[in-house]
């Protein structure tokens, strides 16, 4: 799943749940929930293969994805630091996977393996149309809920 979808769902959670620790936990868990659905991801093979001299385009994709998510949250939710902070927890699992590439650590490896198992539908024959549609729906629904959150404060 692209970072944009994760960030927007994290922002949605932050805009709907007043209890900050609960919002952080749910935003973090939302990452795994979204990764369960069939989706497409952009290629970052140079990063995965530690080919750092060739990885600039991969890092650029990640940066543009991340930055577009932050920009869209800003446009739809306004400047609300708590929404940005909670949304960052929704991409933390991918950050842990990146750290696993750099540092060999048992806990990071366990997390990486768990994260990969959640993507088990990745190898199923599901058309690109449905993989893109699942992400588009998540993004659209999140945007609507974030925008409405500006007018209807959290209820729980």
N, C-alpha and C. Protein backbone atom coordinates (compact mmCIF):
# COMPACT_ATOMS: atom_id res chain seq x y z
N UNK A 1 0.86 -1.17 0.00
CA UNK A 1 0.00 0.00 0.00
C UNK A 1 0.90 1.23 0.00
N UNK A 2 0.53 2.23 -0.76
CA UNK A 2 1.35 3.43 -0.80
C UNK A 2 1.21 4.20 0.51
N UNK A 3 2.22 4.99 0.84
CA UNK A 3 2.22 5.73 2.10
C UNK A 3 1.05 6.70 2.19
N UNK A 4 0.66 7.27 1.06
CA UNK A 4 -0.45 8.21 1.03
C UNK A 4 -1.70 7.61 1.67
N UNK A 5 -2.06 6.41 1.28
CA UNK A 5 -3.26 5.76 1.83
C UNK A 5 -3.11 5.53 3.33
N UNK A 6 -1.94 5.07 3.77
CA UNK A 6 -1.70 4.85 5.19
C UNK A 6 -1.81 6.17 5.97
N UNK A 7 -1.16 7.21 5.47
CA UNK A 7 -1.18 8.50 6.15
C UNK A 7 -2.60 9.06 6.26
N UNK A 8 -3.37 8.93 5.19
CA UNK A 8 -4.72 9.48 5.21
C UNK A 8 -5.62 8.71 6.17
N UNK A 9 -5.48 7.39 6.22
CA UNK A 9 -6.28 6.65 7.19
C UNK A 9 -5.84 7.00 8.61
N UNK A 10 -4.55 7.15 8.84
CA UNK A 10 -4.06 7.58 10.15
C UNK A 10 -4.62 8.95 10.54
N UNK A 11 -4.66 9.86 9.58
CA UNK A 11 -5.23 11.19 9.84
C UNK A 11 -6.73 11.10 10.11
N UNK A 12 -7.39 10.20 9.42
CA UNK A 12 -8.82 10.00 9.66
C UNK A 12 -9.05 9.53 11.08
N UNK A 13 -8.27 8.57 11.51
CA UNK A 13 -8.38 8.06 12.87
C UNK A 13 -8.13 9.19 13.87
N UNK A 14 -7.11 9.98 13.62
CA UNK A 14 -6.77 11.09 14.52
C UNK A 14 -7.89 12.12 14.58
N UNK A 15 -8.57 12.32 13.46
CA UNK A 15 -9.63 13.33 13.42
C UNK A 15 -10.94 12.84 14.05
N UNK A 16 -11.05 11.54 14.25
CA UNK A 16 -12.30 10.97 14.76
C UNK A 16 -12.22 10.48 16.20
N UNK A 17 -11.01 10.28 16.70
CA UNK A 17 -10.86 9.70 18.05
C UNK A 17 -10.13 10.69 18.94
N UNK A 18 -10.81 11.12 19.99
CA UNK A 18 -10.27 12.13 20.90
C UNK A 18 -9.17 11.57 21.82
N UNK A 19 -9.27 10.31 22.15
CA UNK A 19 -8.31 9.67 23.05
C UNK A 19 -7.01 9.43 22.27
N UNK A 20 -6.00 10.24 22.55
CA UNK A 20 -4.77 10.21 21.75
C UNK A 20 -4.04 8.87 21.80
N UNK A 21 -3.84 8.27 22.99
CA UNK A 21 -3.17 6.96 22.99
C UNK A 21 -3.93 5.91 22.17
N UNK A 22 -5.25 5.93 22.27
CA UNK A 22 -6.06 5.00 21.47
C UNK A 22 -5.90 5.29 19.98
N UNK A 23 -5.91 6.57 19.61
CA UNK A 23 -5.74 6.95 18.21
C UNK A 23 -4.39 6.49 17.67
N UNK A 24 -3.35 6.61 18.49
CA UNK A 24 -2.00 6.17 18.07
C UNK A 24 -1.98 4.67 17.83
N UNK A 25 -2.55 3.92 18.75
CA UNK A 25 -2.59 2.45 18.61
C UNK A 25 -3.37 2.05 17.38
N UNK A 26 -4.54 2.66 17.19
CA UNK A 26 -5.38 2.32 16.03
C UNK A 26 -4.71 2.73 14.72
N UNK A 27 -4.03 3.87 14.71
CA UNK A 27 -3.32 4.29 13.49
C UNK A 27 -2.22 3.30 13.16
N UNK A 28 -1.48 2.87 14.17
CA UNK A 28 -0.42 1.89 13.96
C UNK A 28 -1.00 0.58 13.41
N UNK A 29 -2.07 0.08 14.03
CA UNK A 29 -2.68 -1.17 13.60
C UNK A 29 -3.36 -1.04 12.23
N UNK A 30 -3.78 0.18 11.89
CA UNK A 30 -4.43 0.38 10.59
C UNK A 30 -3.49 0.05 9.44
N UNK A 31 -2.20 0.19 9.68
CA UNK A 31 -1.22 -0.14 8.64
C UNK A 31 -1.37 -1.61 8.22
N UNK A 32 -1.42 -2.48 9.19
CA UNK A 32 -1.53 -3.92 8.90
C UNK A 32 -2.89 -4.24 8.28
N UNK A 33 -3.92 -3.55 8.75
CA UNK A 33 -5.27 -3.75 8.20
C UNK A 33 -5.28 -3.40 6.71
N UNK A 34 -4.70 -2.27 6.35
CA UNK A 34 -4.68 -1.87 4.94
C UNK A 34 -3.82 -2.80 4.10
N UNK A 35 -2.71 -3.24 4.65
CA UNK A 35 -1.82 -4.12 3.89
C UNK A 35 -2.42 -5.49 3.64
N UNK A 36 -3.46 -5.83 4.37
CA UNK A 36 -4.16 -7.09 4.14
C UNK A 36 -4.90 -7.07 2.80
N UNK A 37 -5.38 -5.90 2.39
CA UNK A 37 -6.14 -5.78 1.14
C UNK A 37 -5.20 -5.83 -0.06
N UNK A 38 -5.69 -6.38 -1.17
CA UNK A 38 -4.87 -6.37 -2.40
C UNK A 38 -4.57 -4.93 -2.80
N UNK A 39 -3.33 -4.67 -3.15
CA UNK A 39 -2.93 -3.33 -3.53
C UNK A 39 -1.67 -3.40 -4.39
N UNK A 40 -1.32 -2.26 -4.97
CA UNK A 40 -0.07 -2.18 -5.71
C UNK A 40 0.87 -1.27 -4.93
N UNK A 41 2.14 -1.45 -5.16
CA UNK A 41 3.16 -0.61 -4.55
C UNK A 41 4.14 -0.22 -5.64
N UNK A 42 4.74 0.92 -5.49
CA UNK A 42 5.78 1.29 -6.44
C UNK A 42 7.04 0.52 -6.10
N UNK A 43 7.88 0.36 -7.09
CA UNK A 43 9.09 -0.46 -6.91
C UNK A 43 10.16 0.34 -6.19
N UNK A 44 10.75 -0.29 -5.19
CA UNK A 44 11.90 0.28 -4.48
C UNK A 44 12.97 -0.81 -4.35
N UNK A 45 13.17 -1.51 -5.44
CA UNK A 45 14.10 -2.65 -5.44
C UNK A 45 15.53 -2.26 -5.09
N UNK A 46 15.96 -1.08 -5.52
CA UNK A 46 17.34 -0.68 -5.21
C UNK A 46 17.53 -0.50 -3.70
N UNK A 47 16.51 0.00 -3.03
CA UNK A 47 16.59 0.12 -1.57
C UNK A 47 16.57 -1.27 -0.94
N UNK A 48 15.63 -2.10 -1.40
CA UNK A 48 15.53 -3.46 -0.84
C UNK A 48 16.81 -4.26 -1.03
N UNK A 49 17.48 -4.03 -2.16
CA UNK A 49 18.72 -4.76 -2.46
C UNK A 49 19.97 -4.03 -1.97
N UNK A 50 19.76 -2.95 -1.24
CA UNK A 50 20.86 -2.16 -0.68
C UNK A 50 21.82 -1.65 -1.76
N UNK A 51 21.30 -1.34 -2.91
CA UNK A 51 22.10 -0.76 -3.98
C UNK A 51 21.99 0.76 -3.85
N UNK A 52 22.67 1.28 -2.83
CA UNK A 52 22.49 2.67 -2.44
C UNK A 52 22.86 3.64 -3.55
N UNK A 53 23.84 3.31 -4.36
CA UNK A 53 24.26 4.24 -5.42
C UNK A 53 23.18 4.39 -6.50
N UNK A 54 22.29 3.42 -6.60
CA UNK A 54 21.22 3.46 -7.60
C UNK A 54 19.87 3.80 -6.97
N UNK A 55 19.83 4.08 -5.68
CA UNK A 55 18.55 4.16 -4.98
C UNK A 55 17.91 5.55 -4.95
N UNK A 56 18.54 6.57 -5.52
CA UNK A 56 17.95 7.90 -5.48
C UNK A 56 16.52 7.92 -6.03
N UNK A 57 16.24 7.32 -7.20
CA UNK A 57 14.85 7.33 -7.70
C UNK A 57 13.87 6.65 -6.73
N UNK A 58 14.32 5.61 -6.05
CA UNK A 58 13.47 4.93 -5.08
C UNK A 58 13.16 5.85 -3.90
N UNK A 59 14.19 6.49 -3.37
CA UNK A 59 13.99 7.42 -2.25
C UNK A 59 13.13 8.61 -2.68
N UNK A 60 13.28 9.04 -3.93
CA UNK A 60 12.46 10.14 -4.44
C UNK A 60 10.98 9.74 -4.46
N UNK A 61 10.68 8.52 -4.92
CA UNK A 61 9.29 8.04 -4.92
C UNK A 61 8.72 8.04 -3.51
N UNK A 62 9.49 7.51 -2.57
CA UNK A 62 9.04 7.46 -1.18
C UNK A 62 8.81 8.87 -0.65
N UNK A 63 9.74 9.78 -0.92
CA UNK A 63 9.61 11.15 -0.45
C UNK A 63 8.37 11.81 -1.05
N UNK A 64 8.17 11.67 -2.36
CA UNK A 64 7.01 12.29 -3.00
C UNK A 64 5.70 11.71 -2.48
N UNK A 65 5.67 10.42 -2.24
CA UNK A 65 4.50 9.77 -1.67
C UNK A 65 4.21 10.32 -0.27
N UNK A 66 5.24 10.36 0.56
CA UNK A 66 5.11 10.88 1.93
C UNK A 66 4.69 12.35 1.91
N UNK A 67 5.38 13.16 1.11
CA UNK A 67 5.11 14.58 1.06
C UNK A 67 3.70 14.86 0.54
N UNK A 68 3.25 14.10 -0.45
CA UNK A 68 1.89 14.32 -0.96
C UNK A 68 0.86 13.99 0.11
N UNK A 69 1.12 12.96 0.92
CA UNK A 69 0.21 12.64 2.03
C UNK A 69 0.14 13.76 3.04
N UNK A 70 1.30 14.30 3.42
CA UNK A 70 1.34 15.40 4.38
C UNK A 70 0.63 16.63 3.81
N UNK A 71 0.87 16.93 2.54
CA UNK A 71 0.25 18.08 1.91
C UNK A 71 -1.28 17.93 1.85
N UNK A 72 -1.74 16.76 1.49
CA UNK A 72 -3.19 16.53 1.41
C UNK A 72 -3.83 16.61 2.80
N UNK A 73 -3.16 16.08 3.81
CA UNK A 73 -3.69 16.21 5.17
C UNK A 73 -3.78 17.69 5.55
N UNK A 74 -2.76 18.44 5.22
CA UNK A 74 -2.76 19.87 5.50
C UNK A 74 -3.94 20.56 4.81
N UNK A 75 -4.18 20.22 3.56
CA UNK A 75 -5.27 20.84 2.81
C UNK A 75 -6.64 20.46 3.35
N UNK A 76 -6.80 19.21 3.78
CA UNK A 76 -8.11 18.74 4.20
C UNK A 76 -8.37 18.91 5.70
N UNK A 77 -7.33 18.86 6.51
CA UNK A 77 -7.52 18.93 7.96
C UNK A 77 -7.03 20.25 8.55
N UNK A 78 -6.26 21.00 7.79
CA UNK A 78 -5.69 22.21 8.33
C UNK A 78 -4.46 21.88 9.17
N UNK A 79 -3.95 22.89 9.83
CA UNK A 79 -2.75 22.70 10.65
C UNK A 79 -3.19 22.21 12.03
N UNK A 80 -3.14 20.91 12.20
CA UNK A 80 -3.47 20.29 13.47
C UNK A 80 -2.35 19.30 13.79
N UNK A 81 -1.38 19.72 14.58
CA UNK A 81 -0.20 18.87 14.83
C UNK A 81 -0.54 17.46 15.29
N UNK A 82 -1.58 17.30 16.07
CA UNK A 82 -1.91 15.96 16.57
C UNK A 82 -2.31 15.03 15.43
N UNK A 83 -2.96 15.57 14.42
CA UNK A 83 -3.35 14.74 13.27
C UNK A 83 -2.10 14.29 12.51
N UNK A 84 -1.14 15.19 12.34
CA UNK A 84 0.11 14.81 11.67
C UNK A 84 0.86 13.78 12.50
N UNK A 85 0.94 14.01 13.80
CA UNK A 85 1.68 13.09 14.68
C UNK A 85 1.07 11.69 14.65
N UNK A 86 -0.24 11.60 14.78
CA UNK A 86 -0.89 10.29 14.79
C UNK A 86 -0.76 9.62 13.42
N UNK A 87 -0.86 10.40 12.36
CA UNK A 87 -0.75 9.80 11.02
C UNK A 87 0.63 9.19 10.80
N UNK A 88 1.66 9.73 11.44
CA UNK A 88 3.00 9.15 11.29
C UNK A 88 3.07 7.74 11.88
N UNK A 89 2.27 7.46 12.89
CA UNK A 89 2.25 6.11 13.46
C UNK A 89 1.67 5.11 12.47
N UNK A 90 0.88 5.58 11.52
CA UNK A 90 0.30 4.67 10.53
C UNK A 90 1.33 4.19 9.51
N UNK A 91 2.46 4.88 9.39
CA UNK A 91 3.51 4.43 8.47
C UNK A 91 4.72 3.86 9.21
N UNK A 92 4.65 3.82 10.53
CA UNK A 92 5.75 3.30 11.34
C UNK A 92 6.15 1.87 10.95
N UNK A 93 5.21 0.96 10.65
CA UNK A 93 5.64 -0.39 10.26
C UNK A 93 6.56 -0.41 9.04
N UNK A 94 6.31 0.46 8.06
CA UNK A 94 7.21 0.53 6.91
C UNK A 94 8.57 1.09 7.32
N UNK A 95 8.57 2.03 8.25
CA UNK A 95 9.83 2.56 8.78
C UNK A 95 10.63 1.48 9.49
N UNK A 96 9.93 0.62 10.24
CA UNK A 96 10.61 -0.49 10.91
C UNK A 96 11.21 -1.46 9.89
N UNK A 97 10.49 -1.66 8.79
CA UNK A 97 11.03 -2.54 7.73
C UNK A 97 12.28 -1.93 7.10
N UNK A 98 12.28 -0.61 6.94
CA UNK A 98 13.48 0.05 6.40
C UNK A 98 14.65 -0.13 7.37
N UNK A 99 14.38 0.06 8.65
CA UNK A 99 15.45 -0.13 9.65
C UNK A 99 15.98 -1.56 9.63
N UNK A 100 15.11 -2.51 9.33
CA UNK A 100 15.53 -3.91 9.24
C UNK A 100 16.55 -4.11 8.12
N UNK A 101 16.44 -3.32 7.06
CA UNK A 101 17.42 -3.41 5.97
C UNK A 101 18.80 -2.95 6.41
N UNK A 102 18.83 -1.95 7.27
CA UNK A 102 20.10 -1.34 7.67
C UNK A 102 20.73 -2.05 8.87
N UNK A 103 19.90 -2.32 9.87
CA UNK A 103 20.39 -2.92 11.12
C UNK A 103 19.88 -4.34 11.25
N UNK A 104 20.75 -5.24 11.48
CA UNK A 104 20.33 -6.62 11.71
C UNK A 104 19.96 -6.76 13.18
N UNK A 105 18.69 -6.99 13.39
CA UNK A 105 18.15 -7.05 14.74
C UNK A 105 17.04 -8.09 14.76
N UNK A 106 17.01 -8.92 15.79
CA UNK A 106 16.02 -9.99 15.87
C UNK A 106 14.58 -9.48 15.87
N UNK A 107 14.33 -8.44 16.66
CA UNK A 107 12.96 -7.90 16.73
C UNK A 107 12.53 -7.29 15.41
N UNK A 108 13.44 -6.57 14.76
CA UNK A 108 13.10 -5.99 13.45
C UNK A 108 12.84 -7.08 12.42
N UNK A 109 13.59 -8.15 12.48
CA UNK A 109 13.39 -9.27 11.55
C UNK A 109 12.05 -9.96 11.81
N UNK A 110 11.69 -10.13 13.08
CA UNK A 110 10.39 -10.73 13.42
C UNK A 110 9.27 -9.85 12.87
N UNK A 111 9.41 -8.53 13.07
CA UNK A 111 8.40 -7.61 12.54
C UNK A 111 8.33 -7.70 11.02
N UNK A 112 9.48 -7.72 10.36
CA UNK A 112 9.53 -7.80 8.91
C UNK A 112 8.79 -9.05 8.41
N UNK A 113 9.06 -10.19 9.02
CA UNK A 113 8.41 -11.43 8.61
C UNK A 113 6.89 -11.37 8.83
N UNK A 114 6.46 -10.81 9.94
CA UNK A 114 5.03 -10.65 10.21
C UNK A 114 4.39 -9.73 9.16
N UNK A 115 5.06 -8.63 8.88
CA UNK A 115 4.56 -7.67 7.91
C UNK A 115 4.43 -8.31 6.53
N UNK A 116 5.38 -9.13 6.16
CA UNK A 116 5.33 -9.82 4.87
C UNK A 116 4.17 -10.83 4.82
N UNK A 117 3.92 -11.51 5.92
CA UNK A 117 2.82 -12.49 5.95
C UNK A 117 1.47 -11.82 5.77
N UNK A 118 1.33 -10.61 6.23
CA UNK A 118 0.07 -9.88 6.07
C UNK A 118 -0.20 -9.59 4.60
N UNK A 119 0.83 -9.51 3.80
CA UNK A 119 0.70 -9.26 2.37
C UNK A 119 0.41 -10.54 1.59
N UNK A 120 -0.14 -11.55 2.24
CA UNK A 120 -0.28 -12.85 1.57
C UNK A 120 -1.14 -12.79 0.31
N UNK A 121 -2.04 -11.83 0.18
CA UNK A 121 -2.85 -11.71 -1.03
C UNK A 121 -2.06 -11.13 -2.20
N UNK A 122 -0.85 -10.65 -1.91
CA UNK A 122 -0.02 -10.03 -2.94
C UNK A 122 0.24 -10.98 -4.11
N UNK A 123 0.38 -12.26 -3.83
CA UNK A 123 0.69 -13.23 -4.87
C UNK A 123 -0.54 -13.87 -5.51
N UNK A 124 -1.72 -13.47 -5.07
CA UNK A 124 -2.95 -14.00 -5.66
C UNK A 124 -3.23 -13.27 -6.97
N UNK A 125 -3.97 -13.94 -7.85
CA UNK A 125 -4.29 -13.35 -9.15
C UNK A 125 -5.48 -12.40 -9.01
N UNK A 126 -5.17 -11.19 -8.63
CA UNK A 126 -6.18 -10.14 -8.51
C UNK A 126 -5.75 -9.03 -9.47
N UNK A 127 -6.68 -8.58 -10.29
CA UNK A 127 -6.32 -7.64 -11.35
C UNK A 127 -5.79 -6.33 -10.78
N UNK A 128 -4.99 -5.68 -11.62
CA UNK A 128 -4.43 -4.38 -11.25
C UNK A 128 -5.55 -3.39 -10.99
N UNK A 129 -6.65 -3.50 -11.73
CA UNK A 129 -7.79 -2.62 -11.53
C UNK A 129 -8.27 -2.66 -10.09
N UNK A 130 -8.47 -3.86 -9.54
CA UNK A 130 -8.96 -3.99 -8.17
C UNK A 130 -7.91 -3.59 -7.15
N UNK A 131 -6.65 -3.80 -7.48
CA UNK A 131 -5.57 -3.39 -6.57
C UNK A 131 -5.51 -1.86 -6.46
N UNK A 132 -5.69 -1.18 -7.58
CA UNK A 132 -5.70 0.29 -7.57
C UNK A 132 -7.00 0.80 -6.96
N UNK A 133 -8.11 0.16 -7.30
CA UNK A 133 -9.41 0.58 -6.78
C UNK A 133 -9.46 0.51 -5.26
N UNK A 134 -8.88 -0.53 -4.67
CA UNK A 134 -8.91 -0.64 -3.21
C UNK A 134 -8.19 0.55 -2.56
N UNK A 135 -7.07 0.95 -3.12
CA UNK A 135 -6.35 2.11 -2.57
C UNK A 135 -7.11 3.40 -2.82
N UNK A 136 -7.67 3.53 -4.00
CA UNK A 136 -8.42 4.76 -4.32
C UNK A 136 -9.61 4.93 -3.39
N UNK A 137 -10.31 3.84 -3.11
CA UNK A 137 -11.46 3.92 -2.19
C UNK A 137 -11.02 4.33 -0.79
N UNK A 138 -9.94 3.76 -0.32
CA UNK A 138 -9.43 4.12 1.01
C UNK A 138 -9.07 5.60 1.04
N UNK A 139 -8.44 6.08 0.01
CA UNK A 139 -8.04 7.49 -0.05
C UNK A 139 -9.27 8.40 -0.09
N UNK A 140 -10.23 8.07 -0.93
CA UNK A 140 -11.43 8.90 -1.07
C UNK A 140 -12.24 8.92 0.23
N UNK A 141 -12.46 7.76 0.82
CA UNK A 141 -13.23 7.69 2.07
C UNK A 141 -12.50 8.45 3.17
N UNK A 142 -11.19 8.28 3.25
CA UNK A 142 -10.41 8.99 4.27
C UNK A 142 -10.52 10.50 4.08
N UNK A 143 -10.41 10.96 2.85
CA UNK A 143 -10.49 12.40 2.60
C UNK A 143 -11.85 12.96 3.02
N UNK A 144 -12.90 12.24 2.70
CA UNK A 144 -14.24 12.68 3.09
C UNK A 144 -14.35 12.77 4.61
N UNK A 145 -13.89 11.73 5.30
CA UNK A 145 -14.00 11.72 6.76
C UNK A 145 -13.10 12.78 7.41
N UNK A 146 -11.92 13.00 6.86
CA UNK A 146 -11.04 14.05 7.40
C UNK A 146 -11.70 15.41 7.22
N UNK A 147 -12.23 15.64 6.02
CA UNK A 147 -12.86 16.93 5.74
C UNK A 147 -14.07 17.14 6.65
N UNK A 148 -14.89 16.12 6.79
CA UNK A 148 -16.07 16.24 7.66
C UNK A 148 -15.65 16.42 9.12
N UNK A 149 -14.49 15.90 9.49
CA UNK A 149 -13.99 16.05 10.84
C UNK A 149 -13.75 17.49 11.23
N UNK A 150 -13.57 18.36 10.23
CA UNK A 150 -13.38 19.78 10.51
C UNK A 150 -14.69 20.40 11.02
N UNK A 151 -15.82 19.81 10.63
CA UNK A 151 -17.11 20.37 10.99
C UNK A 151 -17.80 19.59 12.11
N UNK A 152 -17.47 18.32 12.21
CA UNK A 152 -18.07 17.47 13.24
C UNK A 152 -16.94 16.92 14.10
N UNK A 153 -16.78 17.45 15.30
CA UNK A 153 -15.67 17.00 16.17
C UNK A 153 -15.81 15.53 16.55
N UNK A 154 -14.71 14.95 17.05
CA UNK A 154 -14.73 13.54 17.45
C UNK A 154 -15.84 13.25 18.45
N UNK A 155 -16.42 12.08 18.31
CA UNK A 155 -17.53 11.73 19.20
C UNK A 155 -17.12 10.75 20.28
N UNK A 156 -15.94 10.15 20.17
CA UNK A 156 -15.47 9.24 21.23
C UNK A 156 -13.98 9.24 21.33
